[in-house]
Amino acid sequence: LLTSGLRDLGGNVTAFIPKRFGEGYGLSQIAVERLLETCAPDLIVTVDTGIASAKECAELLEHGIDVAVTDHHEPGDLVPQDVPVCDPKLDPECPSRELAGVGVALKVIDELGHRMGQPDLWREYTDIATLGTVSDMMLLTGENRSLVAEGIARLRRVKNPGLAALAVQARRDLTQMSADDLAFSLIPRMNAAGRMDDPAIALNLLMERDPQEAERIAMRLEDINRERRAIERQLFDDANALVEATYEGGRVIVVGGEGWHEGVKGIVASRIVSLYHVPVILFTISDGVARGSGRSVGDVNLFEAVESCSDLLIRFGGHAGAVGITLDAGNLDAFRDRMEEYLAALPPEDFEDRLSVSAVVDLAEVTVDTISSLSVLQPFGQGNETPVLAVTGVTMTDRRRRGEEGKHLSFLANDASGSCQAIMFNAENVETLVECDEAVDIVFEPKVETWQNRVSCKMHVKDVLLRDARDAEAPDPATVRLVEALFENADQYISESELESLANASQFHTKVVGVTFDGRQSIVARLQPGDALRLEREPSNPNDPKA
């Protein structure tokens, strides 16, 4: 984005991306040496890096090379001095604090465009900014929400040759692309370049204007992504085996191994987080140095936890949900202990991954028209999640394990009102579910899918709740007494005159009885100006006789 934007503004720009293997991230010494051999820059502008590169920036200034830093990561104690720094997190009041690194770069183009007579230039790059924003799993609220909505509209409307070629490899239709589609189709293929090979391959794809050359690059990325999946599976098996052998139930998992692939540690860490529900940091150990990638869980701010151990580290960076760390391998045990001590002070609820269910529905309500109407809430992503629904008392028929390793489960969900196809990816208890003949409760994201010109709904299942003996226990006695009292004293709550006019009523009201004090407070908090409310004494309330 910044390369194209600066060139459009007349700049003589060379794009340079450090290679993860051997050079690491950002302004490492070896990366800068290769950069200076590649070209002789007067100015180096960083993108999505540099906020912790005070030493490196000072050395470049000593050699007569100007530096400008654009980044979005949390500033620590190593913020560069005597150079312009553009990072919204430097200002606690900045309304753009949630921008990704690519969003900050877009802001730079916006500002320069206004100064140089091209105020709308930034709009030509919203599709690229959208890729980076979704890839970095930024909150899709506020400014990011507007940016991604604009970017997806451009993605559908303006055919970027590179993205069009990659969509063919991913078997996706660009004109129907959503933020979810990007996250699970195009973005993993582009990220595979940096994880496995040379990130410049993905850069070249985005910059390419010849459709035939774009097709060749896209095919190469597809091959690289296929290799990435195989290596990821192997690393997961190795890392998880080590976790199973050593983890004793603490607040963090810190493990490392010789020769672990640098490019997929973050992905594997995320998978292990989903199994153990604690932050996970995986390290590759080589020549006495451990380089790690960490992923968090729930509301745990992993960056702050790692920052508390900064005296043990060579360098670190990241944000609340993900971190990168380098330290002497001999400090790994001390680092694990310090992290455990820090995280032990946090409340248990910080470690919970919670799903907020928007509504409990019948399967008859899961229709193409109904689910399509939810599209007005898009783009969906972090902070603006796809609505999650629940259905109860469902039977699962035609149950089948899917995927190369049989970790996915497909089935037909059925209730008294209808049925719907369902898929559950990476089902933790797939062996149990595939044998389950009992009724279950299902939490899912509703999707509208098109296959061979046929449009249908599918449930993307997030959780399956098995019913057990506890579900058959007798209800709470107070609840039983309340229900009996309601029927015995129905005339206190419902008058015959109200029932007679029910069929022709112009409006309906909700009667709420038997609630606790907290329950009443919750109801009152949801009232809006103009809502009608009538309070009546309820001496039969078992929770509060003075209600």
Protein backbone atom coordinates (compact mmCIF):
# COMPACT_ATOMS: atom_id res chain seq x y z
CA LEU A 1 0.00 0.00 0.00
CA LEU A 2 2.64 2.53 1.02
CA THR A 3 4.88 1.61 -1.93
CA SER A 4 2.11 2.16 -4.47
CA GLY A 5 0.81 5.28 -2.75
CA LEU A 6 4.19 6.98 -2.55
CA ARG A 7 4.93 6.11 -6.18
CA ASP A 8 1.61 7.62 -7.21
CA LEU A 9 2.70 10.78 -5.38
CA GLY A 10 5.96 10.86 -7.35
CA GLY A 11 8.27 9.08 -4.94
CA ASN A 12 11.19 6.86 -5.96
CA VAL A 13 10.37 3.88 -3.77
CA THR A 14 11.93 0.46 -3.24
CA ALA A 15 9.85 -2.03 -1.26
CA PHE A 16 11.84 -4.15 1.18
CA ILE A 17 10.52 -6.90 3.46
CA PRO A 18 12.87 -8.70 5.86
CA LYS A 19 12.94 -12.47 5.50
CA ARG A 20 11.63 -14.16 8.61
CA PHE A 21 14.27 -16.89 8.40
CA GLY A 22 17.64 -15.43 9.22
CA GLU A 23 16.57 -11.78 9.37
CA GLY A 24 13.59 -11.85 11.71
CA TYR A 25 11.18 -8.93 11.82
CA GLY A 26 11.73 -5.23 11.46
CA LEU A 27 15.00 -3.33 11.51
CA SER A 28 17.30 -6.16 12.52
CA GLN A 29 21.00 -5.61 11.80
CA ILE A 30 21.19 -8.33 9.16
CA ALA A 31 18.05 -7.06 7.42
CA VAL A 32 19.37 -3.50 7.35
CA GLU A 33 22.69 -4.71 5.90
CA ARG A 34 20.86 -6.43 3.04
CA LEU A 35 18.70 -3.35 2.57
CA LEU A 36 21.73 -1.09 2.22
CA GLU A 37 23.24 -3.52 -0.31
CA THR A 38 19.98 -3.58 -2.29
CA CYS A 39 19.69 0.18 -2.61
CA ALA A 40 21.19 3.34 -1.17
CA PRO A 41 18.21 4.98 0.54
CA ASP A 42 18.05 8.56 1.78
CA LEU A 43 15.01 7.67 3.85
CA ILE A 44 13.68 4.45 5.36
CA VAL A 45 9.97 4.36 6.23
CA THR A 46 8.87 1.41 8.34
CA VAL A 47 5.45 -0.20 8.03
CA ASP A 48 3.88 -2.15 10.90
CA THR A 49 7.21 -2.21 12.74
CA GLY A 50 9.79 0.04 14.34
CA ILE A 51 8.11 1.23 17.55
CA ALA A 52 10.66 -0.75 19.61
CA SER A 53 13.68 -0.01 17.38
CA ALA A 54 15.30 2.94 19.17
CA LYS A 55 18.83 1.53 18.86
CA GLU A 56 18.49 0.60 15.18
CA CYS A 57 17.04 4.00 14.25
CA ALA A 58 19.83 5.82 16.10
CA GLU A 59 22.47 3.82 14.18
CA LEU A 60 20.83 4.64 10.83
CA LEU A 61 20.80 8.34 11.72
CA GLU A 62 24.52 8.13 12.54
CA HIS A 63 25.08 6.80 9.00
CA GLY A 64 23.19 9.75 7.48
CA ILE A 65 19.99 7.85 6.66
CA ASP A 66 16.72 9.43 7.75
CA VAL A 67 14.05 7.20 9.29
CA ALA A 68 10.29 7.56 9.71
CA VAL A 69 8.40 4.99 11.77
CA THR A 70 4.81 3.95 11.10
CA ASP A 71 3.52 1.24 13.41
CA HIS A 72 0.51 0.23 15.48
CA HIS A 73 2.09 -1.97 18.14
CA GLU A 74 2.20 -1.05 21.82
CA PRO A 75 5.00 1.40 22.62
CA GLY A 76 7.34 0.17 25.34
CA ASP A 77 10.60 1.65 26.58
CA LEU A 78 12.37 1.49 23.21
CA VAL A 79 10.44 4.11 21.20
CA PRO A 80 12.83 5.69 18.64
CA GLN A 81 14.00 9.23 19.40
CA ASP A 82 14.77 12.12 17.03
CA VAL A 83 12.73 10.58 14.18
CA PRO A 84 9.08 11.09 13.18
CA VAL A 85 6.94 8.33 14.68
CA CYS A 86 3.36 7.64 13.59
CA ASP A 87 1.74 5.18 16.01
CA PRO A 88 -1.80 5.85 17.28
CA LYS A 89 -1.07 3.96 20.50
CA LEU A 90 1.34 6.69 21.58
CA ASP A 91 -1.69 8.84 22.38
CA PRO A 92 -4.20 7.31 24.84
CA GLU A 93 -6.90 9.62 23.46
CA CYS A 94 -6.26 8.93 19.76
CA PRO A 95 -9.50 7.78 18.07
CA SER A 96 -7.48 5.63 15.65
CA ARG A 97 -5.82 3.44 18.30
CA GLU A 98 -7.32 0.24 16.88
CA LEU A 99 -5.92 0.65 13.37
CA ALA A 100 -3.71 -2.12 12.01
CA GLY A 101 -0.26 -1.29 10.68
CA VAL A 102 -1.72 -1.12 7.19
CA GLY A 103 -4.38 1.28 8.47
CA VAL A 104 -1.66 3.58 9.79
CA ALA A 105 0.04 3.42 6.38
CA LEU A 106 -3.26 4.38 4.76
CA LYS A 107 -3.47 7.38 7.09
CA VAL A 108 -0.02 8.47 5.89
CA ILE A 109 -1.16 8.30 2.26
CA ASP A 110 -4.33 10.19 3.17
CA GLU A 111 -2.32 12.99 4.79
CA LEU A 112 0.26 13.18 2.00
CA GLY A 113 -2.47 13.05 -0.64
CA HIS A 114 -4.23 16.04 0.89
CA ARG A 115 -0.96 17.98 1.03
CA MET A 116 -0.03 17.13 -2.57
CA GLY A 117 -3.34 17.73 -4.34
CA GLN A 118 -4.66 14.14 -4.41
CA PRO A 119 -7.11 14.09 -1.47
CA ASP A 120 -8.95 10.97 -2.68
CA LEU A 121 -5.86 8.88 -3.45
CA TRP A 122 -6.26 6.83 -0.25
CA ARG A 123 -9.56 5.39 -1.54
CA GLU A 124 -7.65 3.46 -4.22
CA TYR A 125 -6.02 1.35 -1.50
CA THR A 126 -8.89 0.49 0.82
CA ASP A 127 -9.03 -3.07 -0.56
CA ILE A 128 -5.37 -3.64 0.37
CA ALA A 129 -5.92 -1.99 3.76
CA THR A 130 -8.85 -4.32 4.32
CA LEU A 131 -6.68 -7.39 3.72
CA GLY A 132 -4.21 -6.26 6.37
CA THR A 133 -6.86 -5.20 8.87
CA VAL A 134 -8.70 -8.51 8.70
CA SER A 135 -5.44 -10.48 8.63
CA ASP A 136 -4.24 -8.79 11.83
CA MET A 137 -7.59 -9.59 13.50
CA MET A 138 -8.22 -5.97 14.46
CA LEU A 139 -11.47 -4.84 16.03
CA LEU A 140 -14.00 -4.19 13.27
CA THR A 141 -15.60 -1.30 15.11
CA GLY A 142 -15.43 2.44 14.58
CA GLU A 143 -12.89 3.48 11.98
CA ASN A 144 -11.89 -0.09 11.11
CA ARG A 145 -15.51 -1.03 10.43
CA SER A 146 -15.90 1.84 7.97
CA LEU A 147 -12.55 1.05 6.35
CA VAL A 148 -13.30 -2.65 5.85
CA ALA A 149 -16.81 -1.95 4.54
CA GLU A 150 -15.34 0.45 1.97
CA GLY A 151 -12.51 -1.96 1.15
CA ILE A 152 -14.75 -4.96 0.55
CA ALA A 153 -16.97 -2.87 -1.70
CA ARG A 154 -13.89 -1.92 -3.72
CA LEU A 155 -12.63 -5.51 -3.72
CA ARG A 156 -15.91 -6.66 -5.26
CA ARG A 157 -16.04 -3.79 -7.74
CA VAL A 158 -12.44 -3.24 -8.91
CA LYS A 159 -10.62 -6.30 -10.22
CA ASN A 160 -7.10 -6.42 -8.81
CA PRO A 161 -5.32 -8.97 -11.09
CA GLY A 162 -3.39 -10.54 -8.23
CA LEU A 163 -6.36 -10.93 -5.92
CA ALA A 164 -8.53 -12.18 -8.79
CA ALA A 165 -5.97 -14.88 -9.60
CA LEU A 166 -5.67 -15.90 -5.95
CA ALA A 167 -9.46 -16.10 -5.64
CA VAL A 168 -9.47 -18.61 -8.51
CA GLN A 169 -6.97 -20.78 -6.61
CA ALA A 170 -9.12 -20.53 -3.49
CA ARG A 171 -12.31 -21.26 -5.47
CA ARG A 172 -13.92 -18.03 -4.30
CA ASP A 173 -15.97 -15.41 -6.13
CA LEU A 174 -14.51 -11.94 -5.54
CA THR A 175 -17.87 -10.30 -6.25
CA GLN A 176 -19.34 -12.15 -3.24
CA MET A 177 -16.35 -11.76 -0.91
CA SER A 178 -16.89 -10.94 2.78
CA ALA A 179 -14.49 -10.29 5.65
CA ASP A 180 -15.00 -13.90 6.80
CA ASP A 181 -14.17 -15.17 3.31
CA LEU A 182 -10.96 -13.15 3.28
CA ALA A 183 -9.89 -14.54 6.65
CA PHE A 184 -10.32 -18.16 5.57
CA SER A 185 -9.39 -18.07 1.89
CA LEU A 186 -7.17 -15.33 0.44
CA ILE A 187 -5.34 -14.20 3.57
CA PRO A 188 -3.91 -17.60 4.63
CA ARG A 189 -2.53 -18.08 1.13
CA MET A 190 -0.86 -14.66 1.14
CA ASN A 191 0.52 -15.13 4.65
CA ALA A 192 1.99 -18.48 3.63
CA ALA A 193 4.62 -16.64 1.57
CA GLY A 194 6.22 -15.06 4.63
CA ARG A 195 5.70 -18.09 6.83
CA MET A 196 7.35 -20.56 4.46
CA ASP A 197 9.37 -18.71 1.84
CA ASP A 198 9.81 -15.09 0.83
CA PRO A 199 7.13 -12.50 1.74
CA ALA A 200 8.03 -10.61 -1.43
CA ILE A 201 6.04 -13.24 -3.35
CA ALA A 202 2.81 -11.93 -1.83
CA LEU A 203 3.94 -8.34 -2.39
CA ASN A 204 4.60 -9.11 -6.06
CA LEU A 205 1.12 -10.61 -6.38
CA LEU A 206 -0.54 -7.44 -5.09
CA MET A 207 1.63 -5.20 -7.31
CA GLU A 208 1.25 -7.29 -10.48
CA ARG A 209 -0.92 -5.87 -13.27
CA ASP A 210 -0.44 -8.61 -15.90
CA PRO A 211 -3.18 -11.27 -15.40
CA GLN A 212 -1.02 -14.11 -16.74
CA GLU A 213 1.89 -13.31 -14.44
CA ALA A 214 -0.55 -12.87 -11.56
CA GLU A 215 -1.91 -16.35 -12.27
CA ARG A 216 1.60 -17.81 -12.13
CA ILE A 217 2.33 -16.14 -8.77
CA ALA A 218 -1.04 -17.23 -7.36
CA MET A 219 -0.34 -20.85 -8.32
CA ARG A 220 3.01 -20.65 -6.56
CA LEU A 221 1.33 -19.30 -3.43
CA GLU A 222 -1.14 -22.18 -3.53
CA ASP A 223 1.74 -24.67 -3.57
CA ILE A 224 3.45 -22.86 -0.68
CA ASN A 225 0.23 -22.85 1.33
CA ARG A 226 -0.19 -26.59 0.79
CA GLU A 227 3.32 -27.10 2.18
CA ARG A 228 2.50 -24.79 5.10
CA ARG A 229 -0.45 -26.96 6.10
CA ALA A 230 1.67 -30.10 6.18
CA ILE A 231 4.38 -28.49 8.33
CA GLU A 232 1.77 -26.96 10.61
CA ARG A 233 0.23 -30.39 11.26
CA GLN A 234 3.64 -31.83 12.15
CA LEU A 235 4.56 -28.97 14.49
CA PHE A 236 1.18 -29.20 16.21
CA ASP A 237 1.72 -32.90 16.86
CA ASP A 238 5.22 -32.29 18.24
CA ALA A 239 4.33 -29.26 20.37
CA ASN A 240 1.12 -30.73 21.74
CA ALA A 241 2.90 -33.96 22.68
CA LEU A 242 5.39 -31.89 24.69
CA VAL A 243 2.57 -29.93 26.32
CA GLU A 244 0.77 -33.14 27.29
CA ALA A 245 3.96 -34.45 28.86
CA THR A 246 4.90 -31.31 30.82
CA TYR A 247 1.86 -29.08 31.42
CA GLU A 248 0.50 -29.36 34.95
CA GLY A 249 -2.43 -26.98 34.78
CA GLY A 250 -0.88 -23.54 35.27
CA ARG A 251 -1.91 -20.18 33.84
CA VAL A 252 0.47 -20.26 30.84
CA ILE A 253 2.07 -22.78 28.50
CA VAL A 254 5.68 -22.08 27.49
CA VAL A 255 7.40 -24.79 25.46
CA GLY A 256 10.15 -24.88 22.86
CA GLY A 257 12.06 -27.21 20.61
CA GLU A 258 15.08 -27.38 18.36
CA GLY A 259 14.27 -26.96 14.70
CA TRP A 260 10.63 -25.97 15.15
CA HIS A 261 9.51 -24.13 12.04
CA GLU A 262 9.54 -20.36 12.55
CA GLY A 263 6.73 -19.66 10.14
CA VAL A 264 3.83 -21.55 11.72
CA LYS A 265 4.45 -21.19 15.47
CA GLY A 266 1.74 -18.55 15.87
CA ILE A 267 -0.89 -20.65 14.11
CA VAL A 268 -0.01 -23.71 16.19
CA ALA A 269 -0.01 -21.64 19.39
CA SER A 270 -3.58 -20.55 18.58
CA ARG A 271 -4.64 -24.17 18.15
CA ILE A 272 -3.14 -25.15 21.50
CA VAL A 273 -4.84 -22.17 23.16
CA SER A 274 -8.19 -23.57 21.99
CA LEU A 275 -7.39 -26.88 23.73
CA TYR A 276 -6.12 -25.60 27.09
CA HIS A 277 -7.69 -22.12 27.35
CA VAL A 278 -4.54 -20.41 28.65
CA PRO A 279 -2.00 -18.22 26.84
CA VAL A 280 0.51 -20.26 24.83
CA ILE A 281 4.03 -19.26 23.75
CA LEU A 282 6.00 -21.57 21.46
CA PHE A 283 9.76 -21.12 21.03
CA THR A 284 12.19 -22.22 18.36
CA ILE A 285 15.60 -22.80 19.95
CA SER A 286 18.77 -22.37 17.90
CA ASP A 287 22.35 -21.54 18.91
CA GLY A 288 21.32 -20.76 22.47
CA VAL A 289 18.63 -18.27 21.44
CA ALA A 290 14.87 -18.87 21.78
CA ARG A 291 12.48 -17.06 19.44
CA GLY A 292 8.84 -17.33 20.38
CA SER A 293 5.35 -16.53 19.15
CA GLY A 294 2.54 -16.22 21.68
CA ARG A 295 -1.23 -16.10 21.53
CA SER A 296 -3.59 -15.07 24.31
CA VAL A 297 -7.01 -16.15 25.53
CA GLY A 298 -10.11 -14.33 26.74
CA ASP A 299 -9.33 -10.88 28.15
CA VAL A 300 -5.70 -11.61 29.11
CA ASN A 301 -3.38 -8.85 27.87
CA LEU A 302 -0.40 -10.94 26.82
CA PHE A 303 1.73 -7.91 25.90
CA GLU A 304 1.51 -6.52 29.43
CA ALA A 305 2.32 -9.93 30.89
CA VAL A 306 5.42 -10.27 28.70
CA GLU A 307 6.43 -6.67 29.39
CA SER A 308 6.59 -7.52 33.11
CA CYS A 309 9.43 -9.93 32.24
CA SER A 310 11.31 -7.51 29.98
CA ASP A 311 14.54 -7.77 32.00
CA LEU A 312 14.81 -11.42 30.87
CA LEU A 313 14.27 -10.65 27.19
CA ILE A 314 16.48 -9.60 24.30
CA ARG A 315 13.52 -8.04 22.51
CA PHE A 316 9.76 -8.33 22.33
CA GLY A 317 6.78 -6.74 20.66
CA GLY A 318 3.14 -7.22 19.86
CA HIS A 319 -0.21 -6.33 21.37
CA ALA A 320 -2.79 -7.70 23.80
CA GLY A 321 -3.61 -10.81 21.79
CA ALA A 322 -0.29 -11.78 20.21
CA VAL A 323 3.40 -11.30 20.96
CA GLY A 324 6.81 -12.05 19.51
CA ILE A 325 9.70 -12.68 21.92
CA THR A 326 13.45 -13.29 21.72
CA LEU A 327 15.51 -14.36 24.76
CA ASP A 328 18.47 -16.49 25.77
CA ALA A 329 17.38 -20.12 25.86
CA GLY A 330 18.82 -20.38 29.36
CA ASN A 331 16.19 -17.91 30.57
CA LEU A 332 13.20 -19.96 29.39
CA ASP A 333 12.46 -21.53 32.78
CA ALA A 334 12.76 -18.20 34.58
CA PHE A 335 10.53 -16.59 31.96
CA ARG A 336 7.88 -19.30 32.42
CA ASP A 337 7.95 -18.84 36.20
CA ARG A 338 7.65 -15.06 35.96
CA MET A 339 4.77 -15.31 33.50
CA GLU A 340 3.02 -17.79 35.77
CA GLU A 341 3.44 -15.45 38.73
CA TYR A 342 2.04 -12.47 36.79
CA LEU A 343 -0.93 -14.35 35.34
CA ALA A 344 -1.77 -16.02 38.67
CA ALA A 345 -2.86 -12.61 39.95
CA LEU A 346 -5.55 -12.24 37.26
CA PRO A 347 -9.17 -13.27 37.94
CA PRO A 348 -10.29 -16.62 36.45
CA GLU A 349 -12.90 -14.95 34.24
CA ASP A 350 -10.14 -13.22 32.25
CA PHE A 351 -9.22 -16.64 30.85
CA GLU A 352 -12.71 -17.50 29.65
CA ASP A 353 -13.62 -17.50 25.98
CA ARG A 354 -17.25 -16.51 25.98
CA LEU A 355 -19.88 -16.79 23.27
CA SER A 356 -22.75 -14.33 23.37
CA VAL A 357 -25.89 -15.94 21.96
CA SER A 358 -28.09 -13.41 20.19
CA ALA A 359 -31.24 -15.55 20.09
CA VAL A 360 -32.62 -19.03 20.64
CA VAL A 361 -34.46 -20.08 17.48
CA ASP A 362 -36.27 -22.96 15.82
CA LEU A 363 -34.68 -24.46 12.73
CA ALA A 364 -37.69 -23.33 10.68
CA GLU A 365 -36.47 -19.78 11.26
CA VAL A 366 -33.05 -20.50 9.73
CA THR A 367 -33.98 -19.51 6.18
CA VAL A 368 -32.05 -17.89 3.36
CA ASP A 369 -34.16 -14.72 3.57
CA THR A 370 -33.79 -14.37 7.33
CA ILE A 371 -30.06 -15.01 7.43
CA SER A 372 -29.43 -12.83 4.37
CA SER A 373 -31.11 -9.95 6.18
CA LEU A 374 -28.31 -10.05 8.77
CA SER A 375 -25.88 -8.83 6.09
CA VAL A 376 -26.76 -5.24 7.02
CA LEU A 377 -24.61 -5.81 10.14
CA GLN A 378 -21.48 -6.64 8.11
CA PRO A 379 -18.51 -6.56 8.01
CA PHE A 380 -18.20 -9.20 10.70
CA GLY A 381 -15.00 -9.79 12.61
CA GLN A 382 -13.31 -9.01 15.92
CA GLY A 383 -15.56 -6.76 18.00
CA ASN A 384 -18.44 -7.11 15.54
CA GLU A 385 -18.86 -10.86 15.49
CA THR A 386 -21.25 -12.77 13.29
CA PRO A 387 -24.53 -13.19 15.22
CA VAL A 388 -24.49 -16.43 17.18
CA LEU A 389 -27.75 -18.36 17.51
CA ALA A 390 -28.79 -21.38 19.54
CA VAL A 391 -31.30 -24.17 18.96
CA THR A 392 -32.32 -26.70 21.61
CA GLY A 393 -33.50 -30.30 21.55
CA VAL A 394 -31.82 -31.08 18.23
CA THR A 395 -31.03 -34.53 16.87
CA MET A 396 -28.01 -35.00 14.60
CA THR A 397 -28.45 -37.39 11.69
CA ASP A 398 -26.17 -38.30 8.77
CA ARG A 399 -23.15 -37.66 11.00
CA ARG A 400 -19.81 -37.84 9.17
CA ARG A 401 -16.22 -37.01 9.99
CA ARG A 402 -14.62 -34.71 7.43
CA GLY A 403 -11.17 -33.45 6.51
CA GLU A 404 -7.86 -35.21 6.01
CA GLU A 405 -7.59 -36.03 9.71
CA GLY A 406 -11.30 -36.49 10.40
CA LYS A 407 -11.38 -33.55 12.83
CA HIS A 408 -14.42 -31.88 11.29
CA LEU A 409 -18.01 -33.08 11.71
CA SER A 410 -20.90 -32.65 9.29
CA PHE A 411 -24.48 -33.61 10.06
CA LEU A 412 -28.13 -32.76 9.46
CA ALA A 413 -29.66 -30.91 12.41
CA ASN A 414 -33.33 -31.68 13.07
CA ASP A 415 -35.96 -30.32 15.43
CA ALA A 416 -39.76 -30.40 15.43
CA SER A 417 -39.95 -27.43 13.05
CA GLY A 418 -37.44 -28.39 10.36
CA SER A 419 -33.85 -29.30 9.52
CA CYS A 420 -30.61 -27.68 8.36
CA GLN A 421 -27.19 -28.84 7.18
CA ALA A 422 -24.41 -28.24 9.72
CA ILE A 423 -20.63 -28.34 9.86
CA MET A 424 -18.36 -28.15 12.92
CA PHE A 425 -14.68 -27.47 12.24
CA ASN A 426 -12.00 -28.89 14.53
CA ALA A 427 -14.54 -30.47 16.86
CA GLU A 428 -12.70 -31.20 20.12
CA ASN A 429 -14.88 -34.22 20.97
CA VAL A 430 -15.56 -35.43 17.43
CA GLU A 431 -15.39 -39.10 18.47
CA THR A 432 -18.21 -38.60 20.98
CA LEU A 433 -20.35 -36.47 18.69
CA VAL A 434 -20.22 -38.83 15.71
CA GLU A 435 -21.72 -41.54 17.95
CA CYS A 436 -24.33 -39.30 19.60
CA ASP A 437 -27.96 -40.33 19.01
CA GLU A 438 -29.38 -38.19 21.82
CA ALA A 439 -30.94 -34.75 21.60
CA VAL A 440 -28.43 -31.91 22.00
CA ASP A 441 -28.34 -28.13 22.14
CA ILE A 442 -26.35 -26.36 19.42
CA VAL A 443 -24.70 -22.94 19.29
CA PHE A 444 -23.94 -21.81 15.75
CA GLU A 445 -23.27 -19.06 13.25
CA PRO A 446 -25.81 -19.07 10.41
CA LYS A 447 -24.37 -18.84 6.91
CA VAL A 448 -25.83 -18.54 3.43
CA GLU A 449 -23.83 -20.59 0.93
CA THR A 450 -23.97 -20.91 -2.85
CA TRP A 451 -22.95 -24.16 -4.52
CA GLN A 452 -23.57 -24.88 -8.20
CA ASN A 453 -26.06 -22.00 -8.37
CA ARG A 454 -28.02 -23.39 -5.42
CA VAL A 455 -28.41 -21.09 -2.42
CA SER A 456 -28.96 -22.65 1.00
CA CYS A 457 -28.38 -22.13 4.71
CA LYS A 458 -25.73 -23.91 6.70
CA MET A 459 -25.02 -23.92 10.41
CA HIS A 460 -21.37 -23.32 11.30
CA VAL A 461 -21.44 -24.95 14.70
CA LYS A 462 -19.44 -23.36 17.52
CA ASP A 463 -20.47 -25.72 20.31
CA VAL A 464 -22.62 -28.80 20.91
CA LEU A 465 -23.97 -29.22 24.44
CA LEU A 466 -24.64 -32.82 25.33
CA ARG A 467 -27.53 -33.44 27.67
CA ASP A 468 -26.79 -35.62 30.70
CA ALA A 469 -28.48 -36.79 33.85
CA ARG A 470 -28.36 -33.31 35.33
CA ASP A 471 -30.84 -32.12 32.71
CA ALA A 472 -33.40 -34.56 34.09
CA GLU A 473 -33.13 -33.40 37.71
CA ALA A 474 -36.20 -32.00 39.43
CA PRO A 475 -36.59 -28.23 39.03
CA ASP A 476 -35.92 -25.87 41.90
CA PRO A 477 -38.80 -26.11 44.46
CA ALA A 478 -39.17 -22.34 44.58
CA THR A 479 -39.65 -22.30 40.81
CA VAL A 480 -42.33 -24.99 41.08
CA ARG A 481 -44.16 -23.01 43.76
CA LEU A 482 -44.01 -19.87 41.64
CA VAL A 483 -45.49 -21.57 38.58
CA GLU A 484 -48.26 -23.16 40.67
CA ALA A 485 -49.05 -19.80 42.25
CA LEU A 486 -49.23 -18.14 38.83
CA PHE A 487 -51.89 -20.56 37.63
CA GLU A 488 -53.79 -20.46 40.94
CA ASN A 489 -53.90 -16.67 40.87
CA ALA A 490 -54.11 -16.10 37.14
CA ASP A 491 -56.95 -13.61 37.57
CA GLN A 492 -54.54 -11.30 39.42
CA TYR A 493 -52.35 -11.04 36.35
CA ILE A 494 -54.71 -11.48 33.38
CA SER A 495 -58.20 -10.04 33.22
CA GLU A 496 -61.01 -11.40 31.04
CA SER A 497 -61.31 -8.02 29.33
CA GLU A 498 -57.68 -8.22 28.26
CA LEU A 499 -58.21 -11.67 26.78
CA GLU A 500 -61.37 -10.67 24.91
CA SER A 501 -59.56 -7.93 22.96
CA LEU A 502 -56.36 -9.92 22.40
CA ALA A 503 -57.04 -10.77 18.75
CA ASN A 504 -57.55 -7.13 17.81
CA ALA A 505 -54.95 -5.55 20.07
CA SER A 506 -52.82 -2.86 18.45
CA GLN A 507 -49.90 -3.58 20.73
CA PHE A 508 -48.69 -6.15 23.24
CA HIS A 509 -46.90 -5.85 26.53
CA THR A 510 -44.62 -8.23 28.38
CA LYS A 511 -45.59 -9.28 31.89
CA VAL A 512 -42.65 -10.19 34.09
CA VAL A 513 -43.32 -11.88 37.44
CA GLY A 514 -41.27 -13.79 40.00
CA VAL A 515 -38.03 -11.96 39.29
CA THR A 516 -35.25 -11.21 41.76
CA PHE A 517 -34.13 -7.70 42.65
CA ASP A 518 -31.18 -7.97 40.25
CA GLY A 519 -33.53 -9.24 37.57
CA ARG A 520 -35.78 -6.21 37.95
CA GLN A 521 -32.79 -3.90 37.77
CA SER A 522 -31.73 -5.60 34.54
CA ILE A 523 -35.20 -5.11 33.04
CA VAL A 524 -35.34 -1.45 34.04
CA ALA A 525 -31.89 -0.87 32.53
CA ARG A 526 -33.18 -2.02 29.13
CA LEU A 527 -36.11 0.39 29.06
CA GLN A 528 -36.03 3.14 26.46
CA PRO A 529 -37.59 6.61 26.64
CA GLY A 530 -41.27 6.25 25.79
CA ASP A 531 -41.59 2.62 26.91
CA ALA A 532 -44.74 1.95 28.94
CA LEU A 533 -44.17 0.43 32.37
CA ARG A 534 -46.75 -0.51 35.02
CA LEU A 535 -45.67 -1.78 38.43
CA GLU A 536 -47.92 -3.94 40.61
CA ARG A 537 -47.40 -5.55 44.00
CA GLU A 538 -46.55 -9.25 43.84
CA PRO A 539 -46.77 -10.74 47.38
CA SER A 540 -46.55 -14.30 46.03
CA ASN A 541 -43.05 -13.75 44.60
CA PRO A 542 -40.90 -16.46 46.26
CA ASN A 543 -37.75 -14.42 45.64
CA ASP A 544 -39.00 -11.23 47.29
CA PRO A 545 -42.25 -11.08 49.34
CA LYS A 546 -42.08 -7.27 49.20
CA ALA A 547 -41.95 -7.21 45.42
